[in-house]
C-alpha cells in the first residue's frame, strides 16, 4: 500500500523524518506531497519546491529510505475540490495527515490515518523559522544536512527568514 503524506517542509525537520519512518513501518511506500510547491521566498514559504525536494532527498538517501519514497510538488489551489482533484492524479491508497483541511478534502475518497508525530510542539517548521528569526539555536531540530543547506541559503542571502515571529499553528 502507498501512503500519501502532505507537508510543506519549510524546512524539513526531525518530526517530518520521524513521521515518514513511522509511515514506512506500516505501508510499503510513501508519496510525499510537498504543498505550496508554487510558493517560495515568502514569509512562511522561504524555500522553493526544488530546494525542499533537494533537502528531503538528501535526508531520505542518508537514512536509506529514498527507494521507498516519491516526492512530488502540489501547488496551492484556492478551491478545495480542484486541489483534491490535483492530488488524486497520483497513485496512493491511504492519506496520513493531522491537518483538518487535508482530511476534509480527501476523506470522502480515502481512509485518513493520523501520523505519529514526534513532539509536534517542539518539531514544528513555524517554530523553527521563528527560532531562526530570533537568532536562537535550531540545529538540533533538523537533520544535519538540512541545517547545512538552510544555513548556506541564509548566509548567502539566497533565502531569508527574518522579521517578526509567525503565529504557530495549533494541531
N, C-alpha and C. Protein backbone atom coordinates (compact mmCIF):
# COMPACT_ATOMS: atom_id res chain seq x y z
N UNK A 1 0.84 -1.19 0.00
CA UNK A 1 0.00 0.00 0.00
C UNK A 1 0.88 1.25 0.00
N UNK A 2 0.38 2.28 -0.65
CA UNK A 2 1.09 3.55 -0.73
C UNK A 2 0.35 4.58 0.13
N UNK A 3 1.08 5.23 1.00
CA UNK A 3 0.51 6.27 1.86
C UNK A 3 0.88 7.64 1.32
N UNK A 4 -0.08 8.54 1.33
CA UNK A 4 0.15 9.94 0.96
C UNK A 4 0.43 10.71 2.24
N UNK A 5 1.49 11.51 2.23
CA UNK A 5 1.85 12.37 3.36
C UNK A 5 2.04 13.77 2.82
N UNK A 6 1.13 14.68 3.15
CA UNK A 6 1.19 16.06 2.68
C UNK A 6 1.89 16.91 3.73
N UNK A 7 2.90 17.66 3.31
CA UNK A 7 3.63 18.53 4.22
C UNK A 7 4.28 19.65 3.40
N UNK A 8 4.67 20.72 4.06
CA UNK A 8 5.30 21.83 3.32
C UNK A 8 6.82 21.79 3.41
N UNK A 9 7.37 21.26 4.48
CA UNK A 9 8.83 21.10 4.63
C UNK A 9 9.55 22.44 4.54
N UNK A 10 9.12 23.40 5.34
CA UNK A 10 9.68 24.76 5.31
C UNK A 10 10.39 25.11 6.62
N UNK A 11 11.45 24.45 7.03
CA UNK A 11 12.20 23.38 6.38
C UNK A 11 11.79 22.00 6.89
N UNK A 12 12.36 20.98 6.25
CA UNK A 12 12.18 19.62 6.76
C UNK A 12 12.84 19.55 8.14
N UNK A 13 12.18 18.88 9.09
CA UNK A 13 12.75 18.75 10.43
C UNK A 13 12.66 17.30 10.90
N UNK A 14 13.17 17.05 12.08
CA UNK A 14 13.21 15.69 12.60
C UNK A 14 11.82 15.11 12.84
N UNK A 15 10.84 15.96 13.06
CA UNK A 15 9.46 15.49 13.19
C UNK A 15 8.94 14.91 11.88
N UNK A 16 9.25 15.57 10.76
CA UNK A 16 8.88 15.04 9.45
C UNK A 16 9.54 13.68 9.23
N UNK A 17 10.82 13.60 9.51
CA UNK A 17 11.56 12.35 9.31
C UNK A 17 10.97 11.24 10.17
N UNK A 18 10.66 11.54 11.41
CA UNK A 18 10.06 10.55 12.31
C UNK A 18 8.73 10.05 11.73
N UNK A 19 7.89 10.98 11.27
CA UNK A 19 6.59 10.61 10.72
C UNK A 19 6.76 9.72 9.48
N UNK A 20 7.69 10.06 8.61
CA UNK A 20 7.94 9.26 7.41
C UNK A 20 8.40 7.85 7.79
N UNK A 21 9.30 7.75 8.75
CA UNK A 21 9.77 6.42 9.20
C UNK A 21 8.61 5.60 9.75
N UNK A 22 7.74 6.23 10.53
CA UNK A 22 6.59 5.51 11.11
C UNK A 22 5.61 5.08 10.02
N UNK A 23 5.41 5.93 9.02
CA UNK A 23 4.55 5.56 7.89
C UNK A 23 5.11 4.32 7.19
N UNK A 24 6.42 4.30 7.00
CA UNK A 24 7.06 3.18 6.30
C UNK A 24 7.08 1.89 7.12
N UNK A 25 6.85 1.99 8.42
CA UNK A 25 6.70 0.79 9.24
C UNK A 25 5.37 0.10 8.94
N UNK A 26 4.40 0.88 8.48
CA UNK A 26 3.04 0.37 8.27
C UNK A 26 2.70 0.16 6.80
N UNK A 27 3.29 0.97 5.92
CA UNK A 27 2.96 0.93 4.49
C UNK A 27 4.20 0.64 3.66
N UNK A 28 3.98 0.18 2.43
CA UNK A 28 5.08 -0.20 1.55
C UNK A 28 5.91 0.99 1.10
N UNK A 29 5.23 2.10 0.83
CA UNK A 29 5.93 3.29 0.36
C UNK A 29 5.13 4.53 0.74
N UNK A 30 5.78 5.67 0.58
CA UNK A 30 5.11 6.93 0.92
C UNK A 30 5.29 7.92 -0.23
N UNK A 31 4.18 8.55 -0.57
CA UNK A 31 4.17 9.63 -1.55
C UNK A 31 4.19 10.92 -0.75
N UNK A 32 5.31 11.60 -0.77
CA UNK A 32 5.46 12.84 -0.02
C UNK A 32 5.04 13.98 -0.92
N UNK A 33 3.89 14.56 -0.62
CA UNK A 33 3.34 15.65 -1.42
C UNK A 33 3.72 16.97 -0.75
N UNK A 34 4.64 17.67 -1.36
CA UNK A 34 5.12 18.93 -0.81
C UNK A 34 4.16 20.03 -1.23
N UNK A 35 3.39 20.51 -0.26
CA UNK A 35 2.40 21.53 -0.53
C UNK A 35 3.02 22.91 -0.75
N UNK A 36 2.22 23.80 -1.28
CA UNK A 36 2.67 25.16 -1.60
C UNK A 36 3.89 25.12 -2.51
N UNK A 37 3.88 24.16 -3.46
CA UNK A 37 5.05 24.00 -4.33
C UNK A 37 5.25 25.18 -5.27
N UNK A 38 4.22 25.98 -5.42
CA UNK A 38 4.31 27.17 -6.27
C UNK A 38 4.73 28.41 -5.48
N UNK A 39 4.99 28.25 -4.20
CA UNK A 39 5.34 29.39 -3.34
C UNK A 39 6.80 29.30 -2.90
N UNK A 40 7.46 30.42 -2.91
CA UNK A 40 8.83 30.49 -2.38
C UNK A 40 9.16 31.95 -2.10
N UNK A 41 10.19 32.11 -1.29
CA UNK A 41 10.69 33.44 -0.92
C UNK A 41 9.59 34.29 -0.28
N UNK A 42 8.71 33.59 0.44
CA UNK A 42 7.65 34.25 1.20
C UNK A 42 7.91 34.02 2.68
N UNK A 43 7.24 34.78 3.49
CA UNK A 43 7.41 34.71 4.94
C UNK A 43 7.28 33.29 5.49
N UNK A 44 6.21 32.59 5.15
CA UNK A 44 6.02 31.23 5.67
C UNK A 44 6.45 30.16 4.67
N UNK A 45 6.92 30.57 3.51
CA UNK A 45 7.42 29.66 2.48
C UNK A 45 8.75 30.19 1.94
N UNK A 46 9.79 30.18 2.76
CA UNK A 46 11.06 30.77 2.32
C UNK A 46 11.81 29.96 1.25
N UNK A 47 11.52 28.67 1.14
CA UNK A 47 12.27 27.82 0.22
C UNK A 47 11.40 27.37 -0.95
N UNK A 48 12.02 27.23 -2.11
CA UNK A 48 11.31 26.79 -3.31
C UNK A 48 11.06 25.28 -3.23
N UNK A 49 10.18 24.80 -4.08
CA UNK A 49 9.95 23.36 -4.13
C UNK A 49 11.23 22.59 -4.48
N UNK A 50 12.00 23.01 -5.51
CA UNK A 50 13.24 22.26 -5.79
C UNK A 50 14.20 22.23 -4.60
N UNK A 51 14.27 23.30 -3.83
CA UNK A 51 15.13 23.33 -2.64
C UNK A 51 14.61 22.37 -1.57
N UNK A 52 13.32 22.36 -1.36
CA UNK A 52 12.74 21.46 -0.36
C UNK A 52 12.88 20.00 -0.80
N UNK A 53 12.72 19.76 -2.09
CA UNK A 53 12.89 18.40 -2.61
C UNK A 53 14.34 17.96 -2.43
N UNK A 54 15.28 18.85 -2.68
CA UNK A 54 16.70 18.51 -2.51
C UNK A 54 17.01 18.20 -1.05
N UNK A 55 16.53 19.05 -0.12
CA UNK A 55 16.75 18.81 1.31
C UNK A 55 16.23 17.43 1.70
N UNK A 56 15.01 17.15 1.29
CA UNK A 56 14.34 15.91 1.68
C UNK A 56 15.01 14.70 1.04
N UNK A 57 15.37 14.81 -0.21
CA UNK A 57 16.05 13.72 -0.91
C UNK A 57 17.35 13.36 -0.21
N UNK A 58 18.13 14.37 0.17
CA UNK A 58 19.41 14.12 0.85
C UNK A 58 19.19 13.38 2.17
N UNK A 59 18.20 13.81 2.94
CA UNK A 59 17.91 13.17 4.23
C UNK A 59 17.46 11.73 4.01
N UNK A 60 16.51 11.52 3.12
CA UNK A 60 15.98 10.18 2.88
C UNK A 60 17.05 9.24 2.33
N UNK A 61 17.92 9.76 1.49
CA UNK A 61 19.01 8.95 0.96
C UNK A 61 19.96 8.52 2.07
N UNK A 62 20.32 9.45 2.93
CA UNK A 62 21.22 9.14 4.05
C UNK A 62 20.59 8.12 5.00
N UNK A 63 19.27 8.19 5.16
CA UNK A 63 18.55 7.27 6.05
C UNK A 63 18.25 5.93 5.39
N UNK A 64 18.57 5.80 4.09
CA UNK A 64 18.29 4.55 3.38
C UNK A 64 16.82 4.36 3.06
N UNK A 65 16.07 5.45 2.95
CA UNK A 65 14.63 5.38 2.73
C UNK A 65 14.19 5.87 1.35
N UNK A 66 15.10 6.42 0.59
CA UNK A 66 14.72 7.08 -0.66
C UNK A 66 14.03 6.14 -1.64
N UNK A 67 14.41 4.87 -1.66
CA UNK A 67 13.81 3.93 -2.61
C UNK A 67 12.35 3.62 -2.28
N UNK A 68 11.90 3.98 -1.08
CA UNK A 68 10.51 3.75 -0.68
C UNK A 68 9.68 5.03 -0.67
N UNK A 69 10.28 6.11 -1.16
CA UNK A 69 9.62 7.42 -1.13
C UNK A 69 9.62 8.06 -2.50
N UNK A 70 8.55 8.74 -2.80
CA UNK A 70 8.47 9.56 -4.00
C UNK A 70 8.05 10.95 -3.54
N UNK A 71 8.75 11.96 -4.05
CA UNK A 71 8.47 13.35 -3.65
C UNK A 71 7.87 14.08 -4.84
N UNK A 72 6.70 14.67 -4.60
CA UNK A 72 6.03 15.44 -5.64
C UNK A 72 5.68 16.83 -5.10
N UNK A 73 5.46 17.76 -5.98
CA UNK A 73 5.02 19.09 -5.58
C UNK A 73 3.53 19.26 -5.85
N UNK A 74 2.84 19.85 -4.90
CA UNK A 74 1.42 20.16 -5.05
C UNK A 74 1.24 21.66 -4.84
N UNK A 75 0.79 22.38 -5.86
CA UNK A 75 0.64 23.82 -5.72
C UNK A 75 -0.56 24.20 -4.86
N UNK A 76 -0.54 25.41 -4.35
CA UNK A 76 -1.71 25.95 -3.67
C UNK A 76 -2.77 26.22 -4.72
N UNK A 77 -3.95 25.70 -4.49
CA UNK A 77 -5.09 25.93 -5.37
C UNK A 77 -6.22 26.39 -4.46
N UNK A 78 -6.75 27.59 -4.67
CA UNK A 78 -7.73 28.15 -3.73
C UNK A 78 -9.13 27.55 -3.82
N UNK A 79 -9.24 26.37 -4.37
CA UNK A 79 -10.53 25.68 -4.48
C UNK A 79 -10.31 24.25 -3.97
N UNK A 80 -11.00 23.88 -2.89
CA UNK A 80 -10.79 22.58 -2.26
C UNK A 80 -10.96 21.42 -3.24
N UNK A 81 -12.01 21.46 -4.05
CA UNK A 81 -12.28 20.36 -4.98
C UNK A 81 -11.20 20.27 -6.05
N UNK A 82 -10.76 21.40 -6.56
CA UNK A 82 -9.70 21.39 -7.58
C UNK A 82 -8.38 20.92 -6.99
N UNK A 83 -8.09 21.31 -5.73
CA UNK A 83 -6.87 20.83 -5.07
C UNK A 83 -6.93 19.32 -4.91
N UNK A 84 -8.08 18.81 -4.46
CA UNK A 84 -8.23 17.37 -4.27
C UNK A 84 -8.08 16.64 -5.61
N UNK A 85 -8.66 17.17 -6.67
CA UNK A 85 -8.52 16.56 -7.99
C UNK A 85 -7.06 16.52 -8.44
N UNK A 86 -6.33 17.59 -8.14
CA UNK A 86 -4.90 17.63 -8.49
C UNK A 86 -4.13 16.51 -7.79
N UNK A 87 -4.38 16.32 -6.51
CA UNK A 87 -3.64 15.32 -5.75
C UNK A 87 -4.09 13.90 -6.08
N UNK A 88 -5.35 13.75 -6.49
CA UNK A 88 -5.87 12.42 -6.84
C UNK A 88 -5.29 11.90 -8.15
N UNK A 89 -4.55 12.70 -8.86
CA UNK A 89 -3.89 12.25 -10.09
C UNK A 89 -2.78 11.25 -9.78
N UNK A 90 -2.34 11.22 -8.54
CA UNK A 90 -1.24 10.35 -8.13
C UNK A 90 -1.78 9.07 -7.52
N UNK A 91 -0.96 8.05 -7.53
CA UNK A 91 -1.35 6.74 -7.03
C UNK A 91 -1.03 6.62 -5.54
N UNK A 92 -2.07 6.50 -4.73
CA UNK A 92 -1.91 6.24 -3.30
C UNK A 92 -3.19 5.61 -2.78
N UNK A 93 -3.07 4.95 -1.62
CA UNK A 93 -4.20 4.19 -1.08
C UNK A 93 -4.79 4.78 0.19
N UNK A 94 -3.97 5.47 0.96
CA UNK A 94 -4.39 6.00 2.25
C UNK A 94 -3.73 7.35 2.45
N UNK A 95 -4.38 8.21 3.22
CA UNK A 95 -3.84 9.55 3.49
C UNK A 95 -3.43 9.62 4.96
N UNK A 96 -2.18 9.98 5.20
CA UNK A 96 -1.69 10.16 6.56
C UNK A 96 -1.57 11.66 6.78
N UNK A 97 -2.45 12.19 7.66
CA UNK A 97 -2.44 13.63 7.89
C UNK A 97 -3.02 13.97 9.26
N UNK A 98 -2.50 15.02 9.82
CA UNK A 98 -3.05 15.59 11.05
C UNK A 98 -3.70 16.93 10.75
N UNK A 99 -3.75 17.29 9.48
CA UNK A 99 -4.28 18.58 9.06
C UNK A 99 -5.76 18.45 8.72
N UNK A 100 -6.59 19.22 9.41
CA UNK A 100 -8.04 19.14 9.21
C UNK A 100 -8.47 19.46 7.79
N UNK A 101 -7.82 20.43 7.17
CA UNK A 101 -8.19 20.82 5.80
C UNK A 101 -7.88 19.69 4.82
N UNK A 102 -6.70 19.08 4.93
CA UNK A 102 -6.34 17.96 4.05
C UNK A 102 -7.31 16.82 4.25
N UNK A 103 -7.63 16.52 5.51
CA UNK A 103 -8.60 15.46 5.83
C UNK A 103 -9.93 15.76 5.15
N UNK A 104 -10.42 16.98 5.31
CA UNK A 104 -11.72 17.38 4.76
C UNK A 104 -11.74 17.22 3.23
N UNK A 105 -10.64 17.56 2.58
CA UNK A 105 -10.58 17.48 1.12
C UNK A 105 -10.54 16.05 0.59
N UNK A 106 -10.03 15.11 1.38
CA UNK A 106 -9.78 13.77 0.85
C UNK A 106 -10.56 12.64 1.54
N UNK A 107 -11.24 12.93 2.64
CA UNK A 107 -11.86 11.86 3.42
C UNK A 107 -13.01 11.15 2.70
N UNK A 108 -13.63 11.76 1.73
CA UNK A 108 -14.72 11.10 1.01
C UNK A 108 -14.22 9.95 0.15
N UNK A 109 -12.94 10.02 -0.25
CA UNK A 109 -12.41 9.02 -1.18
C UNK A 109 -11.32 8.13 -0.61
N UNK A 110 -10.77 8.49 0.55
CA UNK A 110 -9.64 7.75 1.10
C UNK A 110 -9.77 7.58 2.61
N UNK A 111 -9.16 6.51 3.10
CA UNK A 111 -9.03 6.33 4.54
C UNK A 111 -8.03 7.37 5.04
N UNK A 112 -8.35 8.01 6.14
CA UNK A 112 -7.47 9.01 6.75
C UNK A 112 -6.88 8.41 8.02
N UNK A 113 -5.55 8.49 8.15
CA UNK A 113 -4.84 7.97 9.31
C UNK A 113 -4.04 9.11 9.92
N UNK A 114 -4.07 9.23 11.23
CA UNK A 114 -3.28 10.25 11.90
C UNK A 114 -1.80 9.85 11.90
N UNK A 115 -0.92 10.80 11.63
CA UNK A 115 0.51 10.47 11.67
C UNK A 115 1.01 10.33 13.10
N UNK A 116 2.12 9.66 13.23
CA UNK A 116 2.81 9.54 14.51
C UNK A 116 3.81 10.69 14.57
N UNK A 117 3.36 11.81 15.12
CA UNK A 117 4.22 12.99 15.21
C UNK A 117 5.16 12.88 16.40
N UNK A 118 6.36 13.37 16.23
CA UNK A 118 7.36 13.42 17.28
C UNK A 118 7.32 14.81 17.91
N UNK A 119 6.81 14.91 19.12
CA UNK A 119 6.78 16.17 19.85
C UNK A 119 6.45 17.37 18.95
N UNK A 120 5.21 17.45 18.43
CA UNK A 120 4.87 18.50 17.47
C UNK A 120 5.03 19.92 18.01
N UNK A 121 4.97 20.10 19.31
CA UNK A 121 5.20 21.44 19.87
C UNK A 121 6.67 21.84 19.75
N UNK A 122 7.55 20.85 19.64
CA UNK A 122 8.98 21.10 19.50
C UNK A 122 9.41 21.08 18.04
N UNK A 123 9.00 20.04 17.33
CA UNK A 123 9.37 19.87 15.93
C UNK A 123 8.26 20.43 15.05
N UNK A 124 8.35 21.70 14.79
CA UNK A 124 7.33 22.45 14.07
C UNK A 124 8.07 23.47 13.21
N UNK A 125 7.82 23.47 11.91
CA UNK A 125 8.58 24.34 11.00
C UNK A 125 8.37 25.82 11.30
N UNK A 126 7.17 26.21 11.68
CA UNK A 126 6.94 27.63 12.03
C UNK A 126 7.78 27.99 13.24
N UNK A 127 7.79 27.12 14.23
CA UNK A 127 8.62 27.36 15.43
C UNK A 127 10.09 27.46 15.05
N UNK A 128 10.55 26.57 14.17
CA UNK A 128 11.96 26.59 13.76
C UNK A 128 12.27 27.89 13.03
N UNK A 129 11.39 28.32 12.14
CA UNK A 129 11.62 29.61 11.45
C UNK A 129 11.66 30.75 12.46
N UNK A 130 10.81 30.69 13.47
CA UNK A 130 10.81 31.75 14.49
C UNK A 130 12.11 31.74 15.30
N UNK A 131 12.62 30.56 15.62
CA UNK A 131 13.90 30.47 16.33
C UNK A 131 15.01 31.08 15.47
N UNK A 132 14.97 30.79 14.17
CA UNK A 132 15.96 31.38 13.26
C UNK A 132 15.84 32.90 13.28
N UNK A 133 14.62 33.42 13.24
CA UNK A 133 14.39 34.87 13.28
C UNK A 133 14.97 35.50 14.55
N UNK A 134 14.84 34.77 15.64
CA UNK A 134 15.30 35.28 16.93
C UNK A 134 16.76 34.95 17.21
N UNK A 135 17.44 34.37 16.20
CA UNK A 135 18.86 34.03 16.29
C UNK A 135 19.15 32.99 17.37
N UNK A 136 18.18 32.09 17.56
CA UNK A 136 18.36 31.03 18.55
C UNK A 136 19.00 29.80 17.94
N UNK A 137 19.18 28.78 18.74
CA UNK A 137 19.79 27.53 18.32
C UNK A 137 18.71 26.59 17.78
N UNK A 138 18.87 26.13 16.56
CA UNK A 138 17.88 25.27 15.93
C UNK A 138 18.49 24.05 15.25
N UNK A 139 19.80 23.94 15.27
CA UNK A 139 20.47 22.84 14.57
C UNK A 139 20.04 21.46 15.08
N UNK A 140 19.64 21.36 16.34
CA UNK A 140 19.22 20.09 16.92
C UNK A 140 17.81 19.67 16.50
N UNK A 141 17.09 20.54 15.82
CA UNK A 141 15.70 20.28 15.44
C UNK A 141 15.55 19.72 14.03
N UNK A 142 16.63 19.79 13.25
CA UNK A 142 16.59 19.35 11.86
C UNK A 142 17.73 18.37 11.60
N UNK A 143 17.59 17.51 10.58
CA UNK A 143 18.72 16.67 10.21
C UNK A 143 19.92 17.54 9.83
N UNK A 144 21.12 17.03 10.05
CA UNK A 144 22.35 17.79 9.83
C UNK A 144 22.44 18.37 8.42
N UNK A 145 22.09 17.57 7.41
CA UNK A 145 22.19 18.06 6.03
C UNK A 145 21.20 19.20 5.77
N UNK A 146 20.06 19.19 6.43
CA UNK A 146 19.09 20.29 6.30
C UNK A 146 19.66 21.54 6.95
N UNK A 147 20.25 21.38 8.12
CA UNK A 147 20.86 22.53 8.81
C UNK A 147 21.91 23.18 7.90
N UNK A 148 22.77 22.37 7.33
CA UNK A 148 23.84 22.90 6.48
C UNK A 148 23.26 23.58 5.24
N UNK A 149 22.24 22.98 4.63
CA UNK A 149 21.61 23.53 3.44
C UNK A 149 20.95 24.88 3.74
N UNK A 150 20.14 24.91 4.81
CA UNK A 150 19.43 26.14 5.17
C UNK A 150 20.42 27.22 5.57
N UNK A 151 21.40 26.87 6.37
CA UNK A 151 22.40 27.86 6.81
C UNK A 151 23.11 28.48 5.60
N UNK A 152 23.47 27.64 4.64
CA UNK A 152 24.13 28.13 3.43
C UNK A 152 23.20 29.10 2.67
N UNK A 153 21.93 28.74 2.54
CA UNK A 153 20.96 29.59 1.84
C UNK A 153 20.79 30.94 2.56
N UNK A 154 20.73 30.89 3.89
CA UNK A 154 20.56 32.12 4.67
C UNK A 154 21.83 32.97 4.64
N UNK A 155 22.98 32.33 4.82
CA UNK A 155 24.25 33.07 4.83
C UNK A 155 24.53 33.75 3.49
N UNK A 156 24.12 33.10 2.40
CA UNK A 156 24.35 33.67 1.07
C UNK A 156 23.34 34.76 0.72
N UNK A 157 22.25 34.82 1.48
CA UNK A 157 21.18 35.78 1.19
C UNK A 157 20.21 35.28 0.13
N UNK A 158 20.42 34.05 -0.33
CA UNK A 158 19.53 33.49 -1.34
C UNK A 158 18.12 33.30 -0.79
N UNK A 159 18.02 32.97 0.49
CA UNK A 159 16.73 32.87 1.18
C UNK A 159 16.83 33.70 2.45
N UNK A 160 15.68 34.18 2.92
CA UNK A 160 15.66 34.99 4.14
C UNK A 160 14.57 34.49 5.08
N UNK A 161 14.91 34.46 6.34
CA UNK A 161 13.93 34.20 7.40
C UNK A 161 14.19 35.28 8.44
N UNK A 162 13.40 36.34 8.38
CA UNK A 162 13.61 37.46 9.29
C UNK A 162 12.27 38.12 9.60
N UNK A 163 12.31 39.26 10.27
CA UNK A 163 11.08 39.97 10.63
C UNK A 163 10.50 39.46 11.93
N UNK A 164 9.27 39.88 12.20
CA UNK A 164 8.60 39.48 13.43
C UNK A 164 8.19 38.01 13.34
N UNK A 165 8.03 37.38 14.49
CA UNK A 165 7.70 35.96 14.54
C UNK A 165 6.33 35.69 13.94
N UNK A 166 6.18 34.47 13.41
CA UNK A 166 4.90 34.00 12.87
C UNK A 166 4.10 33.35 13.98
N UNK A 167 2.79 33.37 13.84
CA UNK A 167 1.92 32.65 14.77
C UNK A 167 2.04 31.17 14.45
N UNK A 168 2.26 30.35 15.48
CA UNK A 168 2.38 28.91 15.30
C UNK A 168 1.00 28.29 15.19
N UNK A 169 0.84 27.37 14.22
CA UNK A 169 -0.44 26.68 14.06
C UNK A 169 -0.66 25.70 15.19
N UNK A 170 -1.87 25.59 15.62
CA UNK A 170 -2.24 24.58 16.62
C UNK A 170 -2.74 23.34 15.90
N UNK A 171 -2.19 22.19 16.23
CA UNK A 171 -2.63 20.95 15.62
C UNK A 171 -3.59 20.32 16.58
